[in-house]
Amino acid sequence: MKIPDSSRRQFLITSSCGLSRAWVALHWPAIWRAHQHAHETAVSDKPVALRFFSTEQAVEVEAIAAQIIPTDDSPGAREAHVVYFIDQALASFDRARQKDYTRGLAQLEIRIERMFSSAGRFSQLHSEQQIRLLTAIQHTRFFELLRLHTVMGFLANPEYGGNYNQVGWKLIGFEDNFYYEPPFGYYDAQYSKATHK
């Protein structure tokens, strides 16, 4: 199923606007420590190592994230390396969610066995089967948390492990420039015009 860029862009903007400032404030000290570790990893030549997931778990999480933000004409969660962001989060600032993932992945295996007895893992299902399964669990705590982490990983600063090559930022039109010069936006430009008449 192809998702138009405009629809995907709107979904990501809406989702990111819903991220709670209170959540960030509560986790800020741990986020900062994770940032320092992520920065060291980003500037290192060493390959990214998983800190929480096993290799098998990472494959499953990546497959689910790839259905949440699929690849079509634009890069999706897989190309953005969202799984590394989620792994980093669970090993640092969102450590309290580790049990949700462990339990959720175990329950996912049970659900797969019930719905598709011949398949062993989510990543081995074909796309239509994956969508059917995710539709069945879309209101669970596990899926809602994974969806939140996927969107965060797609749009976060690449130093946190996701948004590889800034694919998320490029999709929503975010400029990687933290030193802007005025006018800063439409409102500022209008103010400038009015004051210089």
N, C-alpha and C. Protein backbone atom coordinates (compact mmCIF):
# COMPACT_ATOMS: atom_id res chain seq x y z
N MET A 1 0.84 -1.19 0.00
CA MET A 1 0.00 0.00 0.00
C MET A 1 0.88 1.25 0.00
N LYS A 2 0.72 2.10 -0.99
CA LYS A 2 1.53 3.31 -1.08
C LYS A 2 0.88 4.44 -0.31
N ILE A 3 1.63 5.10 0.54
CA ILE A 3 1.12 6.25 1.29
C ILE A 3 1.68 7.50 0.64
N PRO A 4 0.80 8.43 0.18
CA PRO A 4 1.31 9.66 -0.43
C PRO A 4 2.20 10.42 0.53
N ASP A 5 3.25 11.06 0.00
CA ASP A 5 4.18 11.81 0.83
C ASP A 5 3.46 12.83 1.70
N SER A 6 2.44 13.51 1.14
CA SER A 6 1.74 14.55 1.90
C SER A 6 1.02 13.95 3.10
N SER A 7 0.41 12.76 2.93
CA SER A 7 -0.28 12.09 4.04
C SER A 7 0.72 11.65 5.10
N ARG A 8 1.83 11.08 4.66
CA ARG A 8 2.84 10.63 5.60
C ARG A 8 3.41 11.81 6.36
N ARG A 9 3.68 12.90 5.64
CA ARG A 9 4.23 14.09 6.27
C ARG A 9 3.28 14.60 7.34
N GLN A 10 1.96 14.65 7.01
CA GLN A 10 0.96 15.14 7.97
C GLN A 10 0.89 14.22 9.18
N PHE A 11 0.94 12.90 8.95
CA PHE A 11 0.91 11.93 10.05
C PHE A 11 2.08 12.16 10.99
N LEU A 12 3.27 12.36 10.43
CA LEU A 12 4.46 12.53 11.26
C LEU A 12 4.43 13.84 12.02
N ILE A 13 3.99 14.92 11.35
CA ILE A 13 3.92 16.22 12.02
C ILE A 13 2.91 16.16 13.16
N THR A 14 1.73 15.59 12.88
CA THR A 14 0.69 15.47 13.91
C THR A 14 1.18 14.62 15.07
N SER A 15 1.81 13.50 14.76
CA SER A 15 2.30 12.60 15.81
C SER A 15 3.37 13.27 16.65
N SER A 16 4.28 13.99 16.00
CA SER A 16 5.36 14.61 16.77
C SER A 16 4.85 15.75 17.63
N CYS A 17 3.81 16.44 17.16
CA CYS A 17 3.23 17.52 17.97
C CYS A 17 2.56 16.97 19.22
N GLY A 18 2.15 15.70 19.17
CA GLY A 18 1.48 15.10 20.32
C GLY A 18 2.44 14.59 21.38
N LEU A 19 3.74 14.64 21.13
CA LEU A 19 4.70 14.17 22.13
C LEU A 19 4.67 15.11 23.33
N SER A 20 4.62 14.54 24.48
CA SER A 20 4.42 15.33 25.70
C SER A 20 5.68 16.03 26.17
N ARG A 21 5.57 17.34 26.39
CA ARG A 21 6.71 18.08 26.97
C ARG A 21 6.99 17.60 28.38
N ALA A 22 5.94 17.25 29.10
CA ALA A 22 6.11 16.76 30.46
C ALA A 22 6.94 15.47 30.47
N TRP A 23 6.70 14.59 29.47
CA TRP A 23 7.46 13.34 29.37
C TRP A 23 8.93 13.65 29.18
N VAL A 24 9.23 14.59 28.29
CA VAL A 24 10.63 14.96 28.04
C VAL A 24 11.25 15.56 29.30
N ALA A 25 10.51 16.44 29.97
CA ALA A 25 11.03 17.09 31.18
C ALA A 25 11.34 16.06 32.27
N LEU A 26 10.45 15.09 32.41
CA LEU A 26 10.62 14.06 33.43
C LEU A 26 11.86 13.21 33.18
N HIS A 27 12.15 12.94 31.91
CA HIS A 27 13.24 12.06 31.54
C HIS A 27 14.51 12.81 31.15
N TRP A 28 14.53 14.13 31.30
CA TRP A 28 15.64 14.92 30.75
C TRP A 28 17.04 14.49 31.22
N PRO A 29 17.29 14.25 32.52
CA PRO A 29 18.65 13.85 32.91
C PRO A 29 19.12 12.58 32.20
N ALA A 30 18.24 11.58 32.11
CA ALA A 30 18.61 10.34 31.43
C ALA A 30 18.75 10.55 29.93
N ILE A 31 17.91 11.42 29.37
CA ILE A 31 18.01 11.74 27.94
C ILE A 31 19.37 12.35 27.65
N TRP A 32 19.81 13.25 28.55
CA TRP A 32 21.10 13.90 28.32
C TRP A 32 22.26 12.90 28.36
N ARG A 33 22.19 11.95 29.31
CA ARG A 33 23.23 10.92 29.37
C ARG A 33 23.22 10.07 28.10
N ALA A 34 22.01 9.74 27.62
CA ALA A 34 21.89 8.96 26.38
C ALA A 34 22.44 9.75 25.21
N HIS A 35 22.21 11.06 25.22
CA HIS A 35 22.71 11.91 24.14
C HIS A 35 24.23 11.87 24.09
N GLN A 36 24.86 11.94 25.26
CA GLN A 36 26.32 11.92 25.30
C GLN A 36 26.84 10.59 24.74
N HIS A 37 26.21 9.48 25.15
CA HIS A 37 26.64 8.17 24.65
C HIS A 37 26.40 8.07 23.14
N ALA A 38 25.22 8.55 22.69
CA ALA A 38 24.88 8.48 21.26
C ALA A 38 25.83 9.32 20.43
N HIS A 39 26.22 10.47 20.97
CA HIS A 39 27.16 11.33 20.23
C HIS A 39 28.50 10.62 20.06
N GLU A 40 28.96 9.99 21.13
CA GLU A 40 30.22 9.26 21.05
C GLU A 40 30.13 8.13 20.01
N THR A 41 28.97 7.45 19.96
CA THR A 41 28.77 6.38 18.98
C THR A 41 28.73 6.94 17.57
N ALA A 42 28.07 8.09 17.41
CA ALA A 42 27.91 8.70 16.08
C ALA A 42 29.23 9.12 15.48
N VAL A 43 30.15 9.58 16.31
CA VAL A 43 31.43 10.05 15.77
C VAL A 43 32.48 8.94 15.73
N SER A 44 32.10 7.75 16.18
CA SER A 44 33.02 6.62 16.17
C SER A 44 32.88 5.84 14.86
N ASP A 45 33.95 5.15 14.48
CA ASP A 45 33.92 4.32 13.28
C ASP A 45 33.38 2.91 13.58
N LYS A 46 33.14 2.61 14.84
CA LYS A 46 32.68 1.28 15.23
C LYS A 46 31.23 1.07 14.79
N PRO A 47 30.85 -0.16 14.41
CA PRO A 47 29.46 -0.42 14.04
C PRO A 47 28.55 -0.26 15.26
N VAL A 48 27.29 0.07 14.99
CA VAL A 48 26.32 0.26 16.07
C VAL A 48 26.05 -1.09 16.73
N ALA A 49 26.16 -1.13 18.05
CA ALA A 49 25.91 -2.37 18.79
C ALA A 49 24.58 -2.24 19.52
N LEU A 50 23.82 -3.32 19.54
CA LEU A 50 22.56 -3.33 20.28
C LEU A 50 22.86 -3.34 21.77
N ARG A 51 22.09 -2.55 22.52
CA ARG A 51 22.33 -2.45 23.96
C ARG A 51 21.25 -3.15 24.78
N PHE A 52 20.06 -3.32 24.21
CA PHE A 52 18.98 -3.99 24.94
C PHE A 52 18.44 -5.19 24.17
N PHE A 53 18.07 -5.01 22.92
CA PHE A 53 17.49 -6.10 22.14
C PHE A 53 18.52 -7.18 21.82
N SER A 54 18.04 -8.42 21.72
CA SER A 54 18.83 -9.46 21.08
C SER A 54 18.72 -9.22 19.58
N THR A 55 19.55 -9.86 18.79
CA THR A 55 19.48 -9.70 17.34
C THR A 55 18.11 -10.11 16.82
N GLU A 56 17.54 -11.20 17.35
CA GLU A 56 16.24 -11.71 16.92
C GLU A 56 15.14 -10.70 17.26
N GLN A 57 15.20 -10.13 18.46
CA GLN A 57 14.20 -9.13 18.85
C GLN A 57 14.29 -7.89 17.97
N ALA A 58 15.50 -7.47 17.67
CA ALA A 58 15.70 -6.29 16.83
C ALA A 58 15.10 -6.49 15.44
N VAL A 59 15.24 -7.69 14.89
CA VAL A 59 14.65 -8.00 13.58
C VAL A 59 13.13 -7.86 13.64
N GLU A 60 12.52 -8.36 14.71
CA GLU A 60 11.07 -8.28 14.86
C GLU A 60 10.60 -6.83 15.02
N VAL A 61 11.28 -6.09 15.88
CA VAL A 61 10.91 -4.68 16.11
C VAL A 61 11.08 -3.87 14.83
N GLU A 62 12.14 -4.12 14.10
CA GLU A 62 12.36 -3.40 12.85
C GLU A 62 11.25 -3.71 11.84
N ALA A 63 10.81 -4.96 11.79
CA ALA A 63 9.74 -5.35 10.86
C ALA A 63 8.43 -4.66 11.22
N ILE A 64 8.14 -4.53 12.51
CA ILE A 64 6.92 -3.84 12.93
C ILE A 64 7.02 -2.35 12.61
N ALA A 65 8.14 -1.75 12.95
CA ALA A 65 8.35 -0.32 12.66
C ALA A 65 8.23 -0.05 11.17
N ALA A 66 8.68 -0.99 10.34
CA ALA A 66 8.62 -0.82 8.89
C ALA A 66 7.19 -0.87 8.36
N GLN A 67 6.27 -1.43 9.13
CA GLN A 67 4.86 -1.38 8.76
C GLN A 67 4.22 -0.08 9.25
N ILE A 68 4.72 0.45 10.36
CA ILE A 68 4.19 1.72 10.89
C ILE A 68 4.57 2.88 9.97
N ILE A 69 5.84 2.93 9.58
CA ILE A 69 6.29 3.92 8.59
C ILE A 69 6.96 3.13 7.47
N PRO A 70 6.16 2.70 6.49
CA PRO A 70 6.70 1.82 5.45
C PRO A 70 7.56 2.56 4.42
N THR A 71 8.32 1.80 3.70
CA THR A 71 9.14 2.32 2.62
C THR A 71 8.33 2.30 1.33
N ASP A 72 8.27 3.43 0.63
CA ASP A 72 7.68 3.45 -0.71
C ASP A 72 8.54 4.37 -1.55
N ASP A 73 7.96 5.46 -2.06
CA ASP A 73 8.79 6.42 -2.80
C ASP A 73 9.72 7.19 -1.86
N SER A 74 9.39 7.17 -0.59
CA SER A 74 10.21 7.84 0.43
C SER A 74 10.76 6.80 1.40
N PRO A 75 11.90 7.08 2.02
CA PRO A 75 12.44 6.15 3.01
C PRO A 75 11.48 5.98 4.19
N GLY A 76 11.51 4.80 4.78
CA GLY A 76 10.65 4.52 5.93
C GLY A 76 11.46 4.28 7.19
N ALA A 77 10.83 3.63 8.16
CA ALA A 77 11.48 3.38 9.45
C ALA A 77 12.74 2.54 9.32
N ARG A 78 12.74 1.61 8.37
CA ARG A 78 13.90 0.75 8.19
C ARG A 78 15.11 1.57 7.75
N GLU A 79 14.92 2.45 6.76
CA GLU A 79 16.02 3.27 6.27
C GLU A 79 16.47 4.30 7.31
N ALA A 80 15.55 4.69 8.17
CA ALA A 80 15.87 5.66 9.22
C ALA A 80 16.58 5.02 10.41
N HIS A 81 16.74 3.69 10.39
CA HIS A 81 17.39 2.95 11.48
C HIS A 81 16.68 3.17 12.82
N VAL A 82 15.35 3.21 12.75
CA VAL A 82 14.53 3.45 13.94
C VAL A 82 14.80 2.43 15.03
N VAL A 83 15.09 1.18 14.66
CA VAL A 83 15.31 0.13 15.65
C VAL A 83 16.47 0.49 16.58
N TYR A 84 17.49 1.18 16.07
CA TYR A 84 18.62 1.57 16.92
C TYR A 84 18.23 2.66 17.89
N PHE A 85 17.33 3.55 17.47
CA PHE A 85 16.82 4.57 18.39
C PHE A 85 16.05 3.90 19.52
N ILE A 86 15.17 2.96 19.18
CA ILE A 86 14.36 2.29 20.20
C ILE A 86 15.26 1.51 21.16
N ASP A 87 16.23 0.82 20.62
CA ASP A 87 17.18 0.07 21.46
C ASP A 87 17.92 1.00 22.41
N GLN A 88 18.37 2.13 21.88
CA GLN A 88 19.07 3.13 22.69
C GLN A 88 18.17 3.68 23.80
N ALA A 89 16.90 3.96 23.43
CA ALA A 89 15.95 4.50 24.41
C ALA A 89 15.72 3.51 25.55
N LEU A 90 15.55 2.24 25.21
CA LEU A 90 15.26 1.22 26.23
C LEU A 90 16.47 0.93 27.11
N ALA A 91 17.65 1.23 26.61
CA ALA A 91 18.86 1.01 27.41
C ALA A 91 19.24 2.24 28.22
N SER A 92 18.50 3.33 28.04
CA SER A 92 18.88 4.56 28.73
C SER A 92 17.67 5.29 29.29
N PHE A 93 17.16 6.31 28.57
CA PHE A 93 16.16 7.19 29.18
C PHE A 93 14.77 6.58 29.30
N ASP A 94 14.46 5.50 28.56
CA ASP A 94 13.15 4.86 28.68
C ASP A 94 13.28 3.42 29.17
N ARG A 95 14.24 3.23 30.06
CA ARG A 95 14.52 1.91 30.63
C ARG A 95 13.29 1.28 31.29
N ALA A 96 12.41 2.10 31.82
CA ALA A 96 11.20 1.60 32.49
C ALA A 96 10.27 0.85 31.54
N ARG A 97 10.46 1.01 30.25
CA ARG A 97 9.60 0.36 29.25
C ARG A 97 10.15 -0.98 28.77
N GLN A 98 11.26 -1.41 29.32
CA GLN A 98 11.86 -2.68 28.87
C GLN A 98 10.89 -3.85 29.01
N LYS A 99 10.20 -3.93 30.15
CA LYS A 99 9.27 -5.04 30.38
C LYS A 99 8.12 -5.01 29.39
N ASP A 100 7.68 -3.80 29.00
CA ASP A 100 6.59 -3.70 28.02
C ASP A 100 7.01 -4.34 26.70
N TYR A 101 8.25 -4.14 26.32
CA TYR A 101 8.74 -4.73 25.07
C TYR A 101 8.94 -6.23 25.20
N THR A 102 9.55 -6.66 26.30
CA THR A 102 9.79 -8.09 26.50
C THR A 102 8.47 -8.85 26.52
N ARG A 103 7.51 -8.33 27.29
CA ARG A 103 6.19 -8.96 27.38
C ARG A 103 5.46 -8.88 26.03
N GLY A 104 5.53 -7.71 25.40
CA GLY A 104 4.83 -7.51 24.13
C GLY A 104 5.33 -8.42 23.03
N LEU A 105 6.65 -8.60 22.95
CA LEU A 105 7.21 -9.48 21.93
C LEU A 105 6.84 -10.95 22.18
N ALA A 106 6.79 -11.32 23.46
CA ALA A 106 6.38 -12.70 23.81
C ALA A 106 4.92 -12.93 23.45
N GLN A 107 4.06 -11.95 23.74
CA GLN A 107 2.64 -12.06 23.40
C GLN A 107 2.43 -12.06 21.88
N LEU A 108 3.30 -11.33 21.19
CA LEU A 108 3.22 -11.29 19.73
C LEU A 108 3.46 -12.68 19.15
N GLU A 109 4.42 -13.40 19.70
CA GLU A 109 4.71 -14.77 19.23
C GLU A 109 3.49 -15.67 19.41
N ILE A 110 2.81 -15.53 20.55
CA ILE A 110 1.61 -16.34 20.81
C ILE A 110 0.52 -16.00 19.80
N ARG A 111 0.35 -14.70 19.54
CA ARG A 111 -0.66 -14.24 18.58
C ARG A 111 -0.35 -14.77 17.17
N ILE A 112 0.92 -14.75 16.79
CA ILE A 112 1.32 -15.26 15.47
C ILE A 112 0.97 -16.74 15.35
N GLU A 113 1.25 -17.50 16.41
CA GLU A 113 0.96 -18.94 16.40
C GLU A 113 -0.53 -19.20 16.24
N ARG A 114 -1.35 -18.36 16.89
CA ARG A 114 -2.80 -18.53 16.80
C ARG A 114 -3.33 -18.15 15.42
N MET A 115 -2.82 -17.06 14.87
CA MET A 115 -3.35 -16.55 13.60
C MET A 115 -2.72 -17.21 12.38
N PHE A 116 -1.44 -17.53 12.48
CA PHE A 116 -0.70 -18.08 11.33
C PHE A 116 0.18 -19.22 11.84
N SER A 117 -0.40 -20.36 12.06
CA SER A 117 0.31 -21.45 12.74
C SER A 117 1.59 -21.90 12.04
N SER A 118 1.67 -21.70 10.74
CA SER A 118 2.85 -22.16 10.01
C SER A 118 4.02 -21.19 10.10
N ALA A 119 3.76 -19.94 10.50
CA ALA A 119 4.82 -18.92 10.57
C ALA A 119 5.47 -18.93 11.94
N GLY A 120 6.75 -18.69 11.96
CA GLY A 120 7.47 -18.67 13.23
C GLY A 120 7.59 -17.29 13.83
N ARG A 121 7.86 -16.31 12.98
CA ARG A 121 8.13 -14.97 13.49
C ARG A 121 7.41 -13.92 12.66
N PHE A 122 7.20 -12.73 13.25
CA PHE A 122 6.52 -11.64 12.56
C PHE A 122 7.25 -11.26 11.28
N SER A 123 8.57 -11.20 11.36
CA SER A 123 9.38 -10.79 10.21
C SER A 123 9.29 -11.78 9.05
N GLN A 124 8.80 -12.99 9.31
CA GLN A 124 8.67 -14.00 8.26
C GLN A 124 7.30 -13.97 7.57
N LEU A 125 6.37 -13.21 8.12
CA LEU A 125 5.05 -13.09 7.51
C LEU A 125 5.14 -12.18 6.29
N HIS A 126 4.24 -12.38 5.32
CA HIS A 126 4.21 -11.43 4.21
C HIS A 126 3.44 -10.19 4.66
N SER A 127 3.55 -9.13 3.90
CA SER A 127 3.06 -7.81 4.32
C SER A 127 1.58 -7.82 4.73
N GLU A 128 0.73 -8.48 3.94
CA GLU A 128 -0.71 -8.50 4.25
C GLU A 128 -0.96 -9.19 5.60
N GLN A 129 -0.24 -10.25 5.88
CA GLN A 129 -0.38 -10.93 7.17
C GLN A 129 0.10 -10.03 8.31
N GLN A 130 1.21 -9.35 8.10
CA GLN A 130 1.72 -8.43 9.13
C GLN A 130 0.69 -7.35 9.44
N ILE A 131 0.07 -6.81 8.42
CA ILE A 131 -0.93 -5.76 8.63
C ILE A 131 -2.14 -6.31 9.39
N ARG A 132 -2.57 -7.51 9.03
CA ARG A 132 -3.70 -8.14 9.75
C ARG A 132 -3.37 -8.31 11.23
N LEU A 133 -2.17 -8.76 11.51
CA LEU A 133 -1.76 -8.98 12.89
C LEU A 133 -1.67 -7.66 13.66
N LEU A 134 -1.07 -6.66 13.05
CA LEU A 134 -0.93 -5.36 13.73
C LEU A 134 -2.28 -4.69 13.95
N THR A 135 -3.22 -4.91 13.02
CA THR A 135 -4.58 -4.39 13.20
C THR A 135 -5.22 -5.03 14.43
N ALA A 136 -4.93 -6.31 14.64
CA ALA A 136 -5.49 -7.03 15.79
C ALA A 136 -4.92 -6.55 17.12
N ILE A 137 -3.70 -6.00 17.12
CA ILE A 137 -3.09 -5.57 18.39
C ILE A 137 -2.92 -4.05 18.49
N GLN A 138 -3.55 -3.31 17.57
CA GLN A 138 -3.28 -1.87 17.49
C GLN A 138 -3.65 -1.08 18.74
N HIS A 139 -4.52 -1.62 19.60
CA HIS A 139 -4.91 -0.89 20.81
C HIS A 139 -4.20 -1.41 22.06
N THR A 140 -3.21 -2.26 21.88
CA THR A 140 -2.47 -2.76 23.03
C THR A 140 -1.41 -1.75 23.47
N ARG A 141 -1.00 -1.85 24.70
CA ARG A 141 0.05 -0.98 25.25
C ARG A 141 1.35 -1.13 24.46
N PHE A 142 1.68 -2.37 24.10
CA PHE A 142 2.91 -2.65 23.38
C PHE A 142 2.93 -1.94 22.02
N PHE A 143 1.85 -2.10 21.26
CA PHE A 143 1.84 -1.51 19.93
C PHE A 143 1.84 0.02 20.00
N GLU A 144 1.07 0.58 20.92
CA GLU A 144 1.02 2.04 21.03
C GLU A 144 2.38 2.60 21.42
N LEU A 145 3.09 1.89 22.30
CA LEU A 145 4.43 2.32 22.70
C LEU A 145 5.41 2.20 21.54
N LEU A 146 5.32 1.11 20.81
CA LEU A 146 6.23 0.92 19.68
C LEU A 146 5.96 1.96 18.58
N ARG A 147 4.68 2.28 18.38
CA ARG A 147 4.35 3.31 17.39
C ARG A 147 4.93 4.66 17.81
N LEU A 148 4.79 5.01 19.09
CA LEU A 148 5.35 6.26 19.60
C LEU A 148 6.87 6.29 19.40
N HIS A 149 7.53 5.22 19.79
CA HIS A 149 8.99 5.15 19.64
C HIS A 149 9.42 5.20 18.18
N THR A 150 8.62 4.60 17.30
CA THR A 150 8.95 4.61 15.88
C THR A 150 8.91 6.04 15.33
N VAL A 151 7.86 6.77 15.66
CA VAL A 151 7.75 8.16 15.19
C VAL A 151 8.87 9.01 15.79
N MET A 152 9.14 8.80 17.08
CA MET A 152 10.22 9.55 17.71
C MET A 152 11.56 9.26 17.03
N GLY A 153 11.81 7.97 16.77
CA GLY A 153 13.07 7.58 16.14
C GLY A 153 13.20 8.07 14.71
N PHE A 154 12.08 8.23 14.04
CA PHE A 154 12.09 8.71 12.67
C PHE A 154 12.40 10.21 12.60
N LEU A 155 12.05 10.94 13.66
CA LEU A 155 12.18 12.40 13.63
C LEU A 155 13.25 12.95 14.58
N ALA A 156 13.83 12.10 15.42
CA ALA A 156 14.79 12.57 16.43
C ALA A 156 16.10 13.02 15.79
N ASN A 157 16.89 13.72 16.57
CA ASN A 157 18.24 14.06 16.14
C ASN A 157 18.97 12.76 15.81
N PRO A 158 19.62 12.67 14.65
CA PRO A 158 20.31 11.43 14.27
C PRO A 158 21.30 10.92 15.31
N GLU A 159 21.80 11.79 16.17
CA GLU A 159 22.75 11.35 17.19
C GLU A 159 22.12 10.37 18.18
N TYR A 160 20.79 10.29 18.21
CA TYR A 160 20.13 9.38 19.13
C TYR A 160 19.96 7.98 18.54
N GLY A 161 20.44 7.77 17.33
CA GLY A 161 20.40 6.43 16.76
C GLY A 161 19.43 6.25 15.61
N GLY A 162 18.41 7.09 15.50
CA GLY A 162 17.45 6.99 14.40
C GLY A 162 17.65 8.12 13.40
N ASN A 163 16.61 8.35 12.57
CA ASN A 163 16.63 9.43 11.58
C ASN A 163 17.94 9.43 10.79
N TYR A 164 18.36 8.24 10.37
CA TYR A 164 19.62 8.08 9.65
C TYR A 164 19.63 8.92 8.38
N ASN A 165 20.72 9.63 8.16
CA ASN A 165 20.85 10.54 7.02
C ASN A 165 19.75 11.60 7.00
N GLN A 166 19.14 11.84 8.17
CA GLN A 166 18.11 12.86 8.32
C GLN A 166 16.89 12.61 7.42
N VAL A 167 16.58 11.33 7.17
CA VAL A 167 15.48 11.04 6.25
C VAL A 167 14.14 11.56 6.77
N GLY A 168 13.94 11.51 8.10
CA GLY A 168 12.70 12.01 8.67
C GLY A 168 12.59 13.52 8.53
N TRP A 169 13.68 14.21 8.83
CA TRP A 169 13.68 15.67 8.71
C TRP A 169 13.44 16.11 7.28
N LYS A 170 14.06 15.41 6.34
CA LYS A 170 13.90 15.77 4.93
C LYS A 170 12.44 15.60 4.50
N LEU A 171 11.79 14.54 5.01
CA LEU A 171 10.42 14.27 4.62
C LEU A 171 9.46 15.36 5.08
N ILE A 172 9.67 15.88 6.30
CA ILE A 172 8.77 16.91 6.81
C ILE A 172 9.25 18.33 6.50
N GLY A 173 10.41 18.44 5.84
CA GLY A 173 10.92 19.75 5.45
C GLY A 173 11.62 20.50 6.56
N PHE A 174 12.13 19.77 7.57
CA PHE A 174 12.85 20.42 8.66
C PHE A 174 14.28 20.70 8.23
N GLU A 175 14.74 21.94 8.43
CA GLU A 175 16.10 22.29 8.07
C GLU A 175 17.02 22.08 9.27
N ASP A 176 18.11 21.38 9.03
CA ASP A 176 19.09 21.13 10.08
C ASP A 176 19.98 22.35 10.26
N ASN A 177 19.40 23.38 10.84
CA ASN A 177 20.13 24.63 11.06
C ASN A 177 19.65 25.21 12.38
N PHE A 178 20.47 25.10 13.40
CA PHE A 178 20.06 25.57 14.71
C PHE A 178 20.52 27.00 14.99
N TYR A 179 21.03 27.66 13.97
CA TYR A 179 21.49 29.04 14.11
C TYR A 179 20.81 29.90 13.05
N TYR A 180 19.53 30.10 13.23
CA TYR A 180 18.76 30.84 12.25
C TYR A 180 19.00 32.35 12.37
N GLU A 181 18.82 33.02 11.26
CA GLU A 181 18.85 34.48 11.26
C GLU A 181 17.44 34.96 10.97
N PRO A 182 17.05 36.10 11.53
CA PRO A 182 15.70 36.60 11.29
C PRO A 182 15.54 37.00 9.82
N PRO A 183 14.32 36.96 9.25
CA PRO A 183 13.08 36.59 9.96
C PRO A 183 12.99 35.08 10.19
N PHE A 184 12.41 34.72 11.33
CA PHE A 184 12.35 33.31 11.71
C PHE A 184 11.17 32.57 11.08
N GLY A 185 10.19 33.28 10.62
CA GLY A 185 9.03 32.63 10.04
C GLY A 185 8.10 33.66 9.45
N TYR A 186 6.94 33.21 9.03
CA TYR A 186 5.97 34.08 8.38
C TYR A 186 5.65 35.29 9.23
N TYR A 187 5.37 35.06 10.53
CA TYR A 187 4.98 36.14 11.43
C TYR A 187 6.09 37.18 11.56
N ASP A 188 7.33 36.74 11.62
CA ASP A 188 8.47 37.64 11.76
C ASP A 188 8.67 38.46 10.48
N ALA A 189 8.49 37.81 9.35
CA ALA A 189 8.64 38.50 8.07
C ALA A 189 7.60 39.60 7.93
N GLN A 190 6.37 39.28 8.34
CA GLN A 190 5.29 40.28 8.26
C GLN A 190 5.57 41.45 9.18
N TYR A 191 6.08 41.16 10.40
CA TYR A 191 6.41 42.21 11.35
C TYR A 191 7.51 43.10 10.78
N SER A 192 8.51 42.48 10.14
CA SER A 192 9.62 43.22 9.55
C SER A 192 9.13 44.18 8.48
N LYS A 193 8.23 43.69 7.62
CA LYS A 193 7.68 44.53 6.56
C LYS A 193 6.92 45.71 7.12
N ALA A 194 6.14 45.45 8.16
CA ALA A 194 5.29 46.50 8.76
C ALA A 194 6.14 47.57 9.41
N THR A 195 7.24 47.21 10.05
CA THR A 195 8.05 48.18 10.78
C THR A 195 9.00 48.96 9.88
N HIS A 196 9.21 48.46 8.65
CA HIS A 196 10.15 49.15 7.76
C HIS A 196 9.44 49.89 6.63
N LYS A 197 8.15 50.16 6.80
CA LYS A 197 7.41 50.94 5.79
C LYS A 197 7.67 52.42 5.99
